């Protein structure tokens, strides 16, 4: 059976008296790590934070010893980046580390450039000897910024830079510079980042519709959560916060359990692992696990849709380039490159009674009165789907807060609008999800809650 953990060198080692590259491993890390991962701690934020804390302390001692032996007294720091920088260490996560140095000696007793390589060797080899995966680099702050300017993934990792050991001022100066660069370059880099997300969604699929989802790379997964943090760091837009933190936590918990079940650094939740992962999380069965994961993924995916539309509005307002609507202002499922010269009408174009198009979204007309018009939520949704437009999140929230409930039985118009909504084809999905995000679908169709996000085992079906 595939659910049994594999042997792990880091769990066999006690790192007591072990030497590598002339550096003695600080004692106790492997044993403490094993106790943490195999003890009473359940998958969750507290265990991830504790694993990061243990790892920080070990690497800090390792850095101090290595720096002393390499003759480095100043001008170097060890920095966690990426997932490790966010303290999101799963049991088999690799360690993303940057050895930062200030270049040649300033003549004041610090290190010179030749000392960096021996210091790096004294850091990396003990990590490898414990069987831990390592993603490492050695750079000056200028080199780090220059690399980030040409490699978007590097820039994203540096946004989460966190100091571990050494010269804290050097790390702080890099963080300040990287964030300033990100904000200054946001009008160029965010469209590039969006294109990467679109390409990844095409390649990996929608997490909430997959039988064997990739918890990280699929649409609505952990990678998208990281992207949302990066967008927020640009100060151009922020994601809807409702349920987002809980959704990220659920996916991280599932990945923790998956790593422990398989003994591997994998993000793909294969069918044969799902029952064991569910048991690790204290869930009834694989169906309960997948339902939780699908719900989390839909929360993240919807937040991504809303955030990218807001980015598009801000960039259009700043640059006067309405063609960005094709890149950032449409549904995630459209993925159509912008046409040169395409324009977004500034006026509010009527779509239906009480519903207009404005800046690429279906919004409520100024004269709309949801408290007097119980059919308005369905009418707005049907109009948006038929026009191929997203439904404004502000409109949805307003409808959820003020719309009167439909009478029983439904009036003929309500039934007709529901049929119109369902008949819009693929454009129905993002509109439906917008209504669902604010609880309107369950209010309209109470039995929907019983089937929402329930997994299905037939690959013929495209949607869950």
Protein backbone atom coordinates (compact mmCIF):
# COMPACT_ATOMS: atom_id res chain seq x y z
CA UNK A 1 0.00 0.00 0.00
CA UNK A 2 1.17 3.51 -0.80
CA UNK A 3 0.09 5.05 2.49
CA UNK A 4 3.11 3.89 4.54
CA UNK A 5 5.81 6.52 5.17
CA UNK A 6 9.18 5.97 3.52
CA UNK A 7 12.45 5.96 5.42
CA UNK A 8 13.99 9.41 5.84
CA UNK A 9 17.71 9.96 6.54
CA UNK A 10 16.94 13.05 8.58
CA UNK A 11 14.79 10.96 10.90
CA UNK A 12 17.50 8.32 11.43
CA UNK A 13 20.18 10.85 12.35
CA UNK A 14 20.61 12.30 15.80
CA UNK A 15 23.27 14.77 14.48
CA UNK A 16 25.24 14.12 17.67
CA UNK A 17 28.96 14.38 17.00
CA UNK A 18 28.47 14.16 13.22
CA UNK A 19 31.00 16.15 11.24
CA UNK A 20 30.85 17.37 7.64
CA UNK A 21 33.10 19.86 5.94
CA UNK A 22 34.86 20.53 9.24
CA UNK A 23 31.68 21.72 10.93
CA UNK A 24 30.05 19.80 13.75
CA UNK A 25 26.29 19.67 13.45
CA UNK A 26 24.52 21.36 16.35
CA UNK A 27 23.20 18.43 18.35
CA UNK A 28 19.55 17.63 18.68
CA UNK A 29 17.94 19.10 15.55
CA UNK A 30 17.16 15.82 13.80
CA UNK A 31 15.84 14.30 17.02
CA UNK A 32 13.71 17.35 17.77
CA UNK A 33 12.43 17.37 14.20
CA UNK A 34 11.51 13.68 14.42
CA UNK A 35 9.73 14.22 17.73
CA UNK A 36 7.78 17.14 16.31
CA UNK A 37 6.67 15.36 13.15
CA UNK A 38 5.89 12.07 14.87
CA UNK A 39 4.56 13.30 18.19
CA UNK A 40 1.30 14.75 19.43
CA UNK A 41 1.38 17.79 17.16
CA UNK A 42 -1.34 17.58 14.54
CA UNK A 43 -0.92 19.21 11.14
CA UNK A 44 -1.62 22.88 11.55
CA UNK A 45 -0.11 26.35 11.83
CA UNK A 46 1.38 25.67 15.27
CA UNK A 47 3.40 22.70 14.03
CA UNK A 48 4.59 24.53 10.92
CA UNK A 49 5.67 27.48 13.05
CA UNK A 50 7.44 25.20 15.51
CA UNK A 51 9.23 23.37 12.69
CA UNK A 52 10.37 26.71 11.28
CA UNK A 53 11.52 27.81 14.74
CA UNK A 54 13.52 24.62 15.29
CA UNK A 55 15.07 24.93 11.85
CA UNK A 56 15.89 28.61 12.39
CA UNK A 57 17.65 27.83 15.65
CA UNK A 58 19.66 24.98 14.11
CA UNK A 59 20.68 27.04 11.08
CA UNK A 60 21.55 29.97 13.31
CA UNK A 61 23.97 27.85 15.32
CA UNK A 62 25.32 26.32 12.14
CA UNK A 63 25.89 29.78 10.64
CA UNK A 64 27.69 31.06 13.73
CA UNK A 65 30.04 28.07 13.78
CA UNK A 66 30.66 28.18 10.03
CA UNK A 67 31.28 31.93 10.02
CA UNK A 68 33.81 31.62 12.83
CA UNK A 69 35.69 28.82 11.06
CA UNK A 70 35.62 30.67 7.72
CA UNK A 71 36.88 33.85 9.33
CA UNK A 72 33.76 35.85 8.53
CA UNK A 73 33.11 38.41 11.24
CA UNK A 74 30.67 40.78 9.52
CA UNK A 75 28.87 41.55 6.30
CA UNK A 76 27.04 38.24 5.87
CA UNK A 77 23.59 36.98 6.72
CA UNK A 78 21.53 33.85 6.20
CA UNK A 79 18.07 34.59 4.84
CA UNK A 80 15.01 32.35 4.45
CA UNK A 81 12.99 33.05 1.30
CA UNK A 82 9.89 31.61 -0.34
CA UNK A 83 7.81 29.21 1.70
CA UNK A 84 10.45 28.92 4.39
CA UNK A 85 10.51 32.70 4.62
CA UNK A 86 6.77 32.55 5.37
CA UNK A 87 7.42 29.84 7.99
CA UNK A 88 5.24 27.46 5.97
CA UNK A 89 7.44 24.40 6.36
CA UNK A 90 5.73 21.11 5.62
CA UNK A 91 7.45 17.87 6.73
CA UNK A 92 9.23 17.40 3.37
CA UNK A 93 9.51 21.02 2.27
CA UNK A 94 12.87 22.09 0.91
CA UNK A 95 14.78 24.89 2.61
CA UNK A 96 14.92 28.04 0.46
CA UNK A 97 18.04 29.85 1.65
CA UNK A 98 19.98 32.89 0.51
CA UNK A 99 23.51 33.53 1.79
CA UNK A 100 23.71 37.29 1.56
CA UNK A 101 27.05 39.11 1.66
CA UNK A 102 28.17 42.67 1.11
CA UNK A 103 30.98 41.92 -1.34
CA UNK A 104 34.70 42.57 -0.77
CA UNK A 105 36.01 43.55 2.64
CA UNK A 106 35.68 47.16 3.65
CA UNK A 107 39.03 46.93 5.48
CA UNK A 108 37.44 47.05 8.93
CA UNK A 109 37.93 43.46 9.98
CA UNK A 110 35.07 41.97 7.98
CA UNK A 111 35.23 39.12 5.50
CA UNK A 112 36.55 39.33 1.99
CA UNK A 113 34.95 37.85 -1.09
CA UNK A 114 37.12 34.71 -0.97
CA UNK A 115 35.62 33.73 2.38
CA UNK A 116 32.09 33.39 1.00
CA UNK A 117 32.59 30.03 -0.75
CA UNK A 118 34.03 28.24 2.32
CA UNK A 119 31.23 29.68 4.43
CA UNK A 120 28.64 28.42 1.95
CA UNK A 121 30.18 24.93 1.96
CA UNK A 122 30.07 24.82 5.74
CA UNK A 123 26.37 25.72 5.60
CA UNK A 124 25.05 23.62 2.72
CA UNK A 125 26.80 20.27 3.33
CA UNK A 126 25.40 19.65 6.84
CA UNK A 127 21.91 20.31 5.46
CA UNK A 128 22.42 17.80 2.67
CA UNK A 129 23.93 15.30 5.12
CA UNK A 130 20.65 15.31 7.04
CA UNK A 131 18.82 14.35 3.85
CA UNK A 132 16.99 17.69 3.58
CA UNK A 133 16.26 19.25 0.21
CA UNK A 134 17.92 22.62 -0.28
CA UNK A 135 17.34 25.47 -2.73
CA UNK A 136 20.26 27.81 -2.17
CA UNK A 137 21.96 30.86 -3.62
CA UNK A 138 24.83 33.18 -2.69
CA UNK A 139 24.46 36.83 -3.67
CA UNK A 140 25.15 40.40 -2.72
CA UNK A 141 22.10 42.65 -2.29
CA UNK A 142 22.79 44.19 -5.69
CA UNK A 143 23.07 40.77 -7.33
CA UNK A 144 19.84 39.67 -5.66
CA UNK A 145 18.01 42.74 -6.97
CA UNK A 146 19.47 42.35 -10.46
CA UNK A 147 18.43 38.69 -10.58
CA UNK A 148 14.95 39.57 -9.32
CA UNK A 149 14.62 42.20 -12.05
CA UNK A 150 15.00 39.52 -14.74
CA UNK A 151 13.43 36.51 -12.96
CA UNK A 152 9.93 37.00 -11.62
CA UNK A 153 10.02 33.82 -9.53
CA UNK A 154 13.15 35.03 -7.74
CA UNK A 155 11.47 38.36 -7.02
CA UNK A 156 8.43 36.59 -5.58
CA UNK A 157 10.64 34.51 -3.30
CA UNK A 158 12.50 37.58 -2.05
CA UNK A 159 9.24 39.28 -1.09
CA UNK A 160 9.03 36.73 1.74
CA UNK A 161 12.66 37.17 2.84
CA UNK A 162 13.15 36.60 6.57
CA UNK A 163 16.33 36.98 8.59
CA UNK A 164 17.78 33.89 10.27
CA UNK A 165 21.35 34.68 11.31
CA UNK A 166 24.24 37.07 10.79
CA UNK A 167 24.01 40.72 9.86
CA UNK A 168 20.36 41.66 10.44
CA UNK A 169 20.86 45.13 8.97
CA UNK A 170 22.04 43.59 5.69
CA UNK A 171 18.87 41.48 5.49
CA UNK A 172 16.66 44.44 6.39
CA UNK A 173 18.22 46.61 3.70
CA UNK A 174 17.61 43.92 1.09
CA UNK A 175 13.98 43.51 2.15
CA UNK A 176 13.41 47.26 1.96
CA UNK A 177 15.00 47.49 -1.49
CA UNK A 178 13.18 44.44 -2.87
CA UNK A 179 9.78 45.71 -1.71
CA UNK A 180 10.50 49.17 -3.13
CA UNK A 181 11.51 47.62 -6.46
CA UNK A 182 8.36 45.50 -6.51
CA UNK A 183 6.10 48.47 -5.93
CA UNK A 184 7.90 50.63 -8.47
CA UNK A 185 7.79 47.88 -11.12
CA UNK A 186 4.25 46.70 -10.38
CA UNK A 187 2.63 48.14 -13.55
CA UNK A 188 5.01 45.99 -15.61
CA UNK A 189 5.41 42.94 -13.39
CA UNK A 190 1.80 42.30 -12.39
CA UNK A 191 0.60 41.71 -15.98
CA UNK A 192 3.58 39.37 -16.38
CA UNK A 193 2.61 37.58 -13.18
CA UNK A 194 -0.98 37.28 -14.37
CA UNK A 195 0.16 35.67 -17.61
CA UNK A 196 2.14 33.12 -15.60
CA UNK A 197 -0.98 32.32 -13.57
CA UNK A 198 -3.08 31.89 -16.71
CA UNK A 199 -0.51 29.56 -18.27
CA UNK A 200 -0.27 27.53 -15.07
CA UNK A 201 -4.06 27.22 -14.86
CA UNK A 202 -4.16 25.86 -18.42
CA UNK A 203 -1.41 23.37 -17.62
CA UNK A 204 -2.50 22.20 -14.15
CA UNK A 205 -6.27 22.62 -14.26
CA UNK A 206 -8.77 23.81 -11.66
CA UNK A 207 -8.05 22.30 -8.25
CA UNK A 208 -11.69 22.11 -7.23
CA UNK A 209 -12.54 19.97 -10.29
CA UNK A 210 -9.66 17.48 -10.16
CA UNK A 211 -9.80 13.91 -8.84
CA UNK A 212 -6.07 13.99 -8.04
CA UNK A 213 -5.37 17.67 -7.47
CA UNK A 214 -1.99 19.34 -7.16
CA UNK A 215 -2.39 21.27 -3.91
CA UNK A 216 0.23 23.82 -4.90
CA UNK A 217 0.19 24.40 -8.65
CA UNK A 218 -3.45 23.84 -9.66
CA UNK A 219 -5.75 26.84 -9.99
CA UNK A 220 -6.92 27.82 -6.50
CA UNK A 221 -3.95 26.17 -4.82
CA UNK A 222 -1.13 27.36 -2.61
CA UNK A 223 0.72 29.03 -5.47
CA UNK A 224 -2.24 31.32 -6.06
CA UNK A 225 -2.33 32.18 -2.37
CA UNK A 226 1.32 33.25 -2.65
CA UNK A 227 0.47 35.34 -5.70
CA UNK A 228 -2.28 37.11 -3.76
CA UNK A 229 0.25 38.08 -1.10
CA UNK A 230 2.56 39.42 -3.79
CA UNK A 231 -0.23 41.52 -5.31
CA UNK A 232 -1.05 42.91 -1.86
CA UNK A 233 2.64 43.79 -1.38
CA UNK A 234 2.47 45.94 -4.53
CA UNK A 235 -0.10 48.19 -2.81
CA UNK A 236 -2.20 48.20 -6.00
CA UNK A 237 -4.93 45.84 -4.82
CA UNK A 238 -5.78 43.44 -2.03
CA UNK A 239 -7.68 40.17 -2.03
CA UNK A 240 -11.06 39.67 -0.35
CA UNK A 241 -10.20 38.42 3.12
CA UNK A 242 -13.35 36.46 3.87
CA UNK A 243 -12.33 32.84 4.45
CA UNK A 244 -8.96 33.26 2.73
CA UNK A 245 -6.71 32.52 5.69
CA UNK A 246 -8.77 29.47 6.64
CA UNK A 247 -8.62 28.21 3.05
CA UNK A 248 -4.82 28.50 2.94
CA UNK A 249 -4.55 26.73 6.29
CA UNK A 250 -6.66 23.80 5.06
CA UNK A 251 -4.48 23.30 2.00
CA UNK A 252 -1.29 23.53 4.05
CA UNK A 253 -2.67 21.04 6.57
CA UNK A 254 -3.52 18.63 3.76
CA UNK A 255 -0.02 18.98 2.31
CA UNK A 256 1.53 18.31 5.73
CA UNK A 257 -0.47 15.11 6.07
CA UNK A 258 0.34 14.10 2.49
CA UNK A 259 4.08 14.48 3.16
CA UNK A 260 3.84 12.34 6.29
CA UNK A 261 1.76 9.65 4.58
CA UNK A 262 3.99 9.36 1.51
CA UNK A 263 7.35 10.29 3.03
CA UNK A 264 7.96 12.39 -0.07
CA UNK A 265 7.96 16.05 -1.05
CA UNK A 266 4.85 15.82 -3.19
CA UNK A 267 1.92 18.16 -3.71
CA UNK A 268 -0.24 15.82 -5.79
CA UNK A 269 -3.00 14.16 -3.80
CA UNK A 270 -3.19 10.79 -5.55
CA UNK A 271 -6.29 8.64 -5.18
CA UNK A 272 -4.46 5.90 -3.29
CA UNK A 273 -3.26 8.39 -0.66
CA UNK A 274 -6.55 10.15 0.03
CA UNK A 275 -7.95 7.82 2.69
CA UNK A 276 -4.68 7.88 4.64
CA UNK A 277 -4.42 11.66 4.41
CA UNK A 278 -8.02 11.99 5.60
CA UNK A 279 -7.25 9.76 8.59
CA UNK A 280 -4.18 11.87 9.44
CA UNK A 281 -6.40 14.94 9.53
CA UNK A 282 -9.08 13.27 11.63
CA UNK A 283 -11.65 13.31 8.81
CA UNK A 284 -14.24 10.63 8.12
CA UNK A 285 -13.04 9.57 4.68
CA UNK A 286 -11.53 10.69 1.38
CA UNK A 287 -14.77 12.37 0.30
CA UNK A 288 -14.75 14.58 3.38
CA UNK A 289 -11.11 15.45 2.67
CA UNK A 290 -11.74 16.39 -0.95
CA UNK A 291 -14.78 18.45 -0.07
CA UNK A 292 -12.72 20.53 2.35
CA UNK A 293 -9.97 20.94 -0.22
CA UNK A 294 -12.41 21.91 -2.98
CA UNK A 295 -14.06 24.50 -0.75
CA UNK A 296 -10.68 26.00 0.10
CA UNK A 297 -9.62 26.07 -3.55
CA UNK A 298 -12.80 27.82 -4.65
CA UNK A 299 -12.28 30.48 -1.99
CA UNK A 300 -8.74 31.15 -3.22
CA UNK A 301 -9.73 31.05 -6.89
CA UNK A 302 -12.59 33.51 -6.37
CA UNK A 303 -10.31 35.83 -4.40
CA UNK A 304 -7.84 35.66 -7.30
CA UNK A 305 -10.52 36.61 -9.83
CA UNK A 306 -11.63 39.61 -7.81
CA UNK A 307 -8.07 40.72 -7.13
CA UNK A 308 -6.93 40.57 -10.75
CA UNK A 309 -9.95 42.56 -11.89
CA UNK A 310 -9.09 45.22 -9.32
CA UNK A 311 -5.48 45.25 -10.54
CA UNK A 312 -6.79 45.78 -14.05
CA UNK A 313 -8.92 48.73 -13.00
CA UNK A 314 -6.04 50.37 -11.15
CA UNK A 315 -3.61 49.93 -14.02
CA UNK A 316 -6.11 51.24 -16.55
CA UNK A 317 -6.69 54.30 -14.40
CA UNK A 318 -2.95 54.89 -13.99
CA UNK A 319 -1.85 54.28 -17.54
CA UNK A 320 -4.90 55.16 -19.60
CA UNK A 321 -4.55 51.84 -21.42
CA UNK A 322 -8.06 50.37 -21.71
CA UNK A 323 -6.70 47.38 -23.62
CA UNK A 324 -5.56 45.96 -20.28
CA UNK A 325 -9.15 44.91 -19.78
CA UNK A 326 -8.50 41.93 -22.05
CA UNK A 327 -5.56 40.94 -19.91
CA UNK A 328 -6.82 41.57 -16.41
CA UNK A 329 -10.48 42.48 -16.52
CA UNK A 330 -12.14 39.27 -17.69
CA UNK A 331 -12.97 35.92 -16.18
CA UNK A 332 -10.13 33.52 -15.48
CA UNK A 333 -11.71 31.03 -17.87
CA UNK A 334 -11.66 33.36 -20.85
CA UNK A 335 -7.88 33.62 -21.19
CA UNK A 336 -8.12 35.61 -24.44
CA UNK A 337 -5.13 37.86 -25.26
CA UNK A 338 -6.06 41.55 -25.47
CA UNK A 339 -6.89 42.91 -28.90
CA UNK A 340 -4.96 45.98 -29.93
CA UNK A 341 -7.11 49.05 -29.57
CA UNK A 342 -9.89 47.29 -27.67
CA UNK A 343 -11.71 49.77 -25.48
CA UNK A 344 -13.70 49.64 -22.29
CA UNK A 345 -16.76 51.87 -22.40
CA UNK A 346 -16.76 54.46 -19.66
CA UNK A 347 -20.54 54.67 -19.56
CA UNK A 348 -22.88 52.33 -17.71
CA UNK A 349 -24.48 50.15 -20.37
CA UNK A 350 -27.89 48.64 -19.45
CA UNK A 351 -28.03 44.84 -19.33
CA UNK A 352 -31.35 44.18 -17.60
CA UNK A 353 -33.74 45.90 -15.24
CA UNK A 354 -31.58 47.16 -12.37
CA UNK A 355 -28.34 45.83 -13.93
CA UNK A 356 -25.70 47.65 -16.00
CA UNK A 357 -22.20 47.00 -17.32
CA UNK A 358 -19.49 49.23 -15.89
CA UNK A 359 -15.73 48.82 -16.37
CA UNK A 360 -16.02 45.24 -17.51
CA UNK A 361 -18.34 44.04 -14.73
CA UNK A 362 -22.07 43.64 -14.23
CA UNK A 363 -23.07 46.03 -11.45
CA UNK A 364 -26.33 47.25 -9.97
CA UNK A 365 -27.93 50.29 -11.54
CA UNK A 366 -28.18 53.38 -9.38
CA UNK A 367 -31.96 52.96 -9.34
CA UNK A 368 -31.85 49.30 -8.25
CA UNK A 369 -33.65 48.53 -4.99
CA UNK A 370 -32.85 44.95 -3.88
CA UNK A 371 -34.99 45.34 -0.77
CA UNK A 372 -38.04 45.80 -3.02
CA UNK A 373 -37.03 43.43 -5.84
CA UNK A 374 -36.53 39.81 -4.66
CA UNK A 375 -35.80 38.61 -8.22
CA UNK A 376 -32.89 41.04 -8.66
CA UNK A 377 -30.12 38.59 -7.57
CA UNK A 378 -31.18 36.06 -10.21
CA UNK A 379 -31.76 38.77 -12.81
CA UNK A 380 -28.33 40.28 -12.21
CA UNK A 381 -26.65 36.88 -12.34
CA UNK A 382 -28.45 35.87 -15.54
CA UNK A 383 -27.62 39.18 -17.22
CA UNK A 384 -23.95 38.91 -16.26
CA UNK A 385 -23.61 35.32 -17.47
CA UNK A 386 -25.40 35.98 -20.75
CA UNK A 387 -23.13 38.97 -21.39
CA UNK A 388 -20.03 36.97 -20.47
CA UNK A 389 -19.20 39.38 -17.66
CA UNK A 390 -18.15 38.82 -14.05
CA UNK A 391 -20.61 39.94 -11.41
CA UNK A 392 -19.18 42.75 -9.32
CA UNK A 393 -18.25 41.52 -5.82
CA UNK A 394 -19.60 44.76 -4.37
CA UNK A 395 -22.93 44.14 -6.09
CA UNK A 396 -23.04 40.58 -4.77
CA UNK A 397 -22.31 41.71 -1.22
CA UNK A 398 -24.99 44.38 -1.46
CA UNK A 399 -27.51 41.85 -2.76
CA UNK A 400 -26.65 39.40 0.01
CA UNK A 401 -27.11 42.09 2.65
CA UNK A 402 -30.31 43.72 1.39
CA UNK A 403 -32.24 41.52 -1.06
CA UNK A 404 -35.63 40.24 0.07
CA UNK A 405 -36.13 36.45 0.04
CA UNK A 406 -38.13 35.05 -2.84
CA UNK A 407 -41.72 34.06 -2.06
CA UNK A 408 -42.82 30.43 -2.23
CA UNK A 409 -43.61 29.35 -4.85
CA UNK A 410 -41.16 31.37 -6.93
CA UNK A 411 -42.70 33.84 -9.34
CA UNK A 412 -42.45 33.03 -13.04
CA UNK A 413 -39.75 35.64 -13.63
CA UNK A 414 -37.49 34.06 -11.00
CA UNK A 415 -37.79 30.64 -12.63
CA UNK A 416 -37.10 32.14 -16.05
CA UNK A 417 -34.02 33.99 -14.79
CA UNK A 418 -32.64 30.81 -13.22
CA UNK A 419 -33.05 28.97 -16.53
CA UNK A 420 -31.37 31.88 -18.33
CA UNK A 421 -28.46 31.78 -15.88
CA UNK A 422 -27.97 28.03 -16.26
CA UNK A 423 -28.28 28.31 -20.03
CA UNK A 424 -25.32 30.66 -20.38
CA UNK A 425 -22.85 27.77 -20.58
CA UNK A 426 -19.34 28.13 -19.19
CA UNK A 427 -19.95 31.80 -18.38
CA UNK A 428 -22.37 30.60 -15.70
CA UNK A 429 -19.57 29.20 -13.53
CA UNK A 430 -17.80 32.40 -12.35
CA UNK A 431 -21.14 34.14 -11.80
CA UNK A 432 -22.47 31.18 -9.81
CA UNK A 433 -19.30 31.15 -7.71
CA UNK A 434 -19.67 34.86 -6.99
CA UNK A 435 -23.19 34.26 -5.67
CA UNK A 436 -22.00 31.25 -3.72
CA UNK A 437 -19.15 33.21 -2.11
CA UNK A 438 -21.72 35.39 -0.33
CA UNK A 439 -24.16 32.58 0.48
CA UNK A 440 -26.80 33.59 -2.06
CA UNK A 441 -27.02 30.19 -3.77
CA UNK A 442 -27.77 28.39 -0.52
CA UNK A 443 -30.35 31.04 0.30
CA UNK A 444 -32.04 30.53 -3.07
CA UNK A 445 -31.64 26.73 -3.14
CA UNK A 446 -31.23 25.40 0.42
CA UNK A 447 -30.53 21.84 -0.71
CA UNK A 448 -27.49 23.10 -2.65
CA UNK A 449 -25.50 22.95 0.58
CA UNK A 450 -25.82 19.16 0.59
CA UNK A 451 -24.08 18.77 -2.78
CA UNK A 452 -21.79 21.82 -2.89
CA UNK A 453 -18.16 20.79 -3.52
CA UNK A 454 -18.93 17.11 -3.03
CA UNK A 455 -16.34 15.04 -4.93
CA UNK A 456 -17.27 12.80 -7.80
CA UNK A 457 -15.26 9.84 -9.03
CA UNK A 458 -16.15 9.91 -12.72
CA UNK A 459 -13.55 11.69 -14.88
CA UNK A 460 -16.22 12.35 -17.52
CA UNK A 461 -17.59 15.21 -15.42
CA UNK A 462 -15.83 18.56 -15.84
CA UNK A 463 -17.40 20.43 -12.93
CA UNK A 464 -18.12 19.40 -9.34
